[in-house]
Amino acid sequence: MGASLSVLAAGLAELVADYVGPALREAKINAGTFELLSALRAAGPNATQTSLARRLGITAPSLSEAVKAAVRKGLVKQVASGTDARSKHVQMTRKGEEALEAVLSAVRAAERTMVRGISATDLRQAQAILRVAVDNLRSELEAR
C-alpha cells in the first residue's frame, strides 16, 4: 500500500520547508515570524495582539515575545488603540510586507512545482481528502 498519510504529510512538509528555507534566510526571518506576518496580513490593519494570538493558536505571552522581536527587526509596529487604552494594534511595516512577499513568492513556487503533472480533478480530490484529514485531527484535538 505504501507510506502512511502521516509519513507522506511529514515528508511533504519537510520538502516545502527546504524549498522555502532560502527565501526565509534571504528575508532574514524564521518560520514563526513568517506565520506572524501572514496572520497579520489576513487579520487586517487593525489586528490586536489578542486576535493575532487566537488566530495563531498561541498564548498571549508567546505572541508578545514574537511581536517584540518583529518590532526590533522593523517588520511590524505597535499602535495604541483609539478606543481601548489597554489594547495595542499591530501593523506591518513596508519592510515586513517586503519580507512576507518574498517568502510568499517562494511558497507559491513550491506549490506550482508540487502540483506539476497533477490533473485539476486529482488535485481537487486530494485537497478534499486532506481537508477531511485535517478536520478529523483538529476535532479530535479540540475534544481532548
Protein backbone atom coordinates (compact mmCIF):
# COMPACT_ATOMS: atom_id res chain seq x y z
CA MET A 1 0.00 0.00 0.00
CA GLY A 2 2.91 2.35 0.53
CA ALA A 3 3.70 5.03 3.06
CA SER A 4 1.06 6.20 5.52
CA LEU A 5 -0.67 9.53 5.11
CA SER A 6 1.19 10.82 8.20
CA VAL A 7 4.57 9.87 6.75
CA LEU A 8 3.72 11.44 3.38
CA ALA A 9 2.41 14.64 5.03
CA ALA A 10 5.53 14.94 7.20
CA GLY A 11 7.76 14.38 4.19
CA LEU A 12 5.88 16.95 2.16
CA ALA A 13 6.10 19.50 4.98
CA GLU A 14 9.85 18.91 5.22
CA LEU A 15 10.32 19.33 1.47
CA VAL A 16 8.29 22.55 1.40
CA ALA A 17 10.35 23.87 4.33
CA ASP A 18 13.55 23.03 2.42
CA TYR A 19 12.17 24.74 -0.70
CA VAL A 20 11.14 27.90 1.19
CA GLY A 21 14.16 27.97 3.53
CA PRO A 22 16.41 30.06 1.27
CA ALA A 23 13.70 32.73 0.94
CA LEU A 24 13.29 32.84 4.74
CA ARG A 25 17.05 33.24 5.17
CA GLU A 26 17.20 35.92 2.46
CA ALA A 27 14.35 37.82 4.13
CA LYS A 28 16.12 37.35 7.50
CA ILE A 29 13.05 35.87 9.16
CA ASN A 30 12.20 32.47 10.59
CA ALA A 31 9.11 30.33 10.03
CA GLY A 32 7.43 31.71 13.18
CA THR A 33 7.88 35.29 12.01
CA PHE A 34 6.53 34.31 8.60
CA GLU A 35 3.44 32.86 10.31
CA LEU A 36 3.04 36.07 12.33
CA LEU A 37 3.29 38.26 9.22
CA SER A 38 0.87 36.00 7.32
CA ALA A 39 -1.65 36.12 10.17
CA LEU A 40 -1.26 39.87 10.40
CA ARG A 41 -1.97 40.30 6.69
CA ALA A 42 -5.03 38.05 6.97
CA ALA A 43 -6.29 39.89 10.07
CA GLY A 44 -6.04 43.34 8.52
CA PRO A 45 -4.62 46.66 9.69
CA ASN A 46 -6.50 46.83 12.99
CA ALA A 47 -5.38 43.47 14.37
CA THR A 48 -4.91 43.35 18.11
CA GLN A 49 -2.35 41.15 19.82
CA THR A 50 -5.21 39.20 21.37
CA SER A 51 -6.81 38.48 17.99
CA LEU A 52 -3.46 37.50 16.48
CA ALA A 53 -2.70 35.11 19.35
CA ARG A 54 -6.10 33.49 18.86
CA ARG A 55 -5.61 33.28 15.08
CA LEU A 56 -2.19 31.65 15.52
CA GLY A 57 -3.33 29.36 18.32
CA ILE A 58 -0.66 30.55 20.75
CA THR A 59 -0.72 32.21 24.15
CA ALA A 60 -0.71 35.99 24.53
CA PRO A 61 2.74 35.96 26.21
CA SER A 62 4.20 33.92 23.33
CA LEU A 63 2.74 36.32 20.82
CA SER A 64 4.01 39.29 22.81
CA GLU A 65 7.57 37.96 22.51
CA ALA A 66 7.16 37.34 18.78
CA VAL A 67 5.78 40.85 18.24
CA LYS A 68 8.64 42.42 20.24
CA ALA A 69 11.17 40.57 18.10
CA ALA A 70 9.39 41.65 14.89
CA VAL A 71 9.29 45.27 16.13
CA ARG A 72 13.06 45.15 16.81
CA LYS A 73 13.60 43.92 13.23
CA GLY A 74 11.39 46.71 11.85
CA LEU A 75 8.84 44.26 10.43
CA VAL A 76 5.83 45.44 12.45
CA LYS A 77 4.87 48.35 14.65
CA GLN A 78 2.54 48.61 17.60
CA VAL A 79 -0.06 51.35 17.61
CA ALA A 80 -2.24 52.32 20.54
CA SER A 81 -5.92 51.63 20.06
CA GLY A 82 -8.05 54.73 19.67
CA THR A 83 -10.86 53.10 21.62
CA ASP A 84 -9.17 50.97 24.31
CA ALA A 85 -6.13 52.25 26.21
CA ARG A 86 -5.23 48.66 27.22
CA SER A 87 -5.19 47.37 23.65
CA LYS A 88 -2.49 47.72 21.01
CA HIS A 89 -2.89 47.20 17.30
CA VAL A 90 -0.12 45.51 15.35
CA GLN A 91 0.60 46.80 11.87
CA MET A 92 3.02 45.56 9.26
CA THR A 93 5.73 47.93 8.04
CA ARG A 94 6.93 48.18 4.46
CA LYS A 95 9.92 46.03 5.45
CA GLY A 96 7.52 43.42 6.84
CA GLU A 97 5.43 43.48 3.67
CA GLU A 98 8.56 43.01 1.54
CA ALA A 99 9.77 40.09 3.67
CA LEU A 100 6.35 38.46 3.58
CA GLU A 101 6.02 38.87 -0.19
CA ALA A 102 9.48 37.40 -0.81
CA VAL A 103 8.65 34.29 1.19
CA LEU A 104 5.12 34.00 -0.26
CA SER A 105 6.68 34.05 -3.72
CA ALA A 106 8.75 31.01 -2.73
CA VAL A 107 5.69 29.32 -1.22
CA ARG A 108 3.76 29.86 -4.47
CA ALA A 109 6.71 28.48 -6.48
CA ALA A 110 6.80 25.41 -4.24
CA GLU A 111 3.06 24.93 -4.75
CA ARG A 112 3.41 25.18 -8.55
CA THR A 113 6.23 22.64 -8.50
CA MET A 114 4.37 20.35 -6.12
CA VAL A 115 1.25 20.08 -8.29
CA ARG A 116 3.01 19.90 -11.66
CA GLY A 117 1.58 16.98 -13.62
CA ILE A 118 -1.46 16.53 -11.37
CA SER A 119 -4.79 16.94 -13.14
CA ALA A 120 -7.26 19.51 -11.84
CA THR A 121 -9.65 16.69 -10.91
CA ASP A 122 -7.00 14.76 -8.96
CA LEU A 123 -5.85 17.95 -7.26
CA ARG A 124 -9.40 18.79 -6.12
CA GLN A 125 -9.82 15.23 -4.82
CA ALA A 126 -6.50 15.36 -2.94
CA GLN A 127 -7.45 18.73 -1.41
CA ALA A 128 -10.82 17.37 -0.31
CA ILE A 129 -9.21 14.30 1.27
CA LEU A 130 -6.61 16.40 3.09
CA ARG A 131 -9.31 18.78 4.36
CA VAL A 132 -11.16 15.84 5.89
CA ALA A 133 -7.93 14.53 7.47
CA VAL A 134 -7.13 17.96 8.92
CA ASP A 135 -10.68 18.40 10.21
CA ASN A 136 -10.64 14.93 11.80
CA LEU A 137 -7.41 15.62 13.66
CA ARG A 138 -8.49 19.14 14.67
CA SER A 139 -11.80 17.86 16.04
CA GLU A 140 -10.06 15.10 17.99
CA LEU A 141 -7.53 17.53 19.48
CA GLU A 142 -10.23 20.07 20.41
CA ALA A 143 -12.21 17.33 22.18
CA ARG A 144 -9.27 16.49 24.44
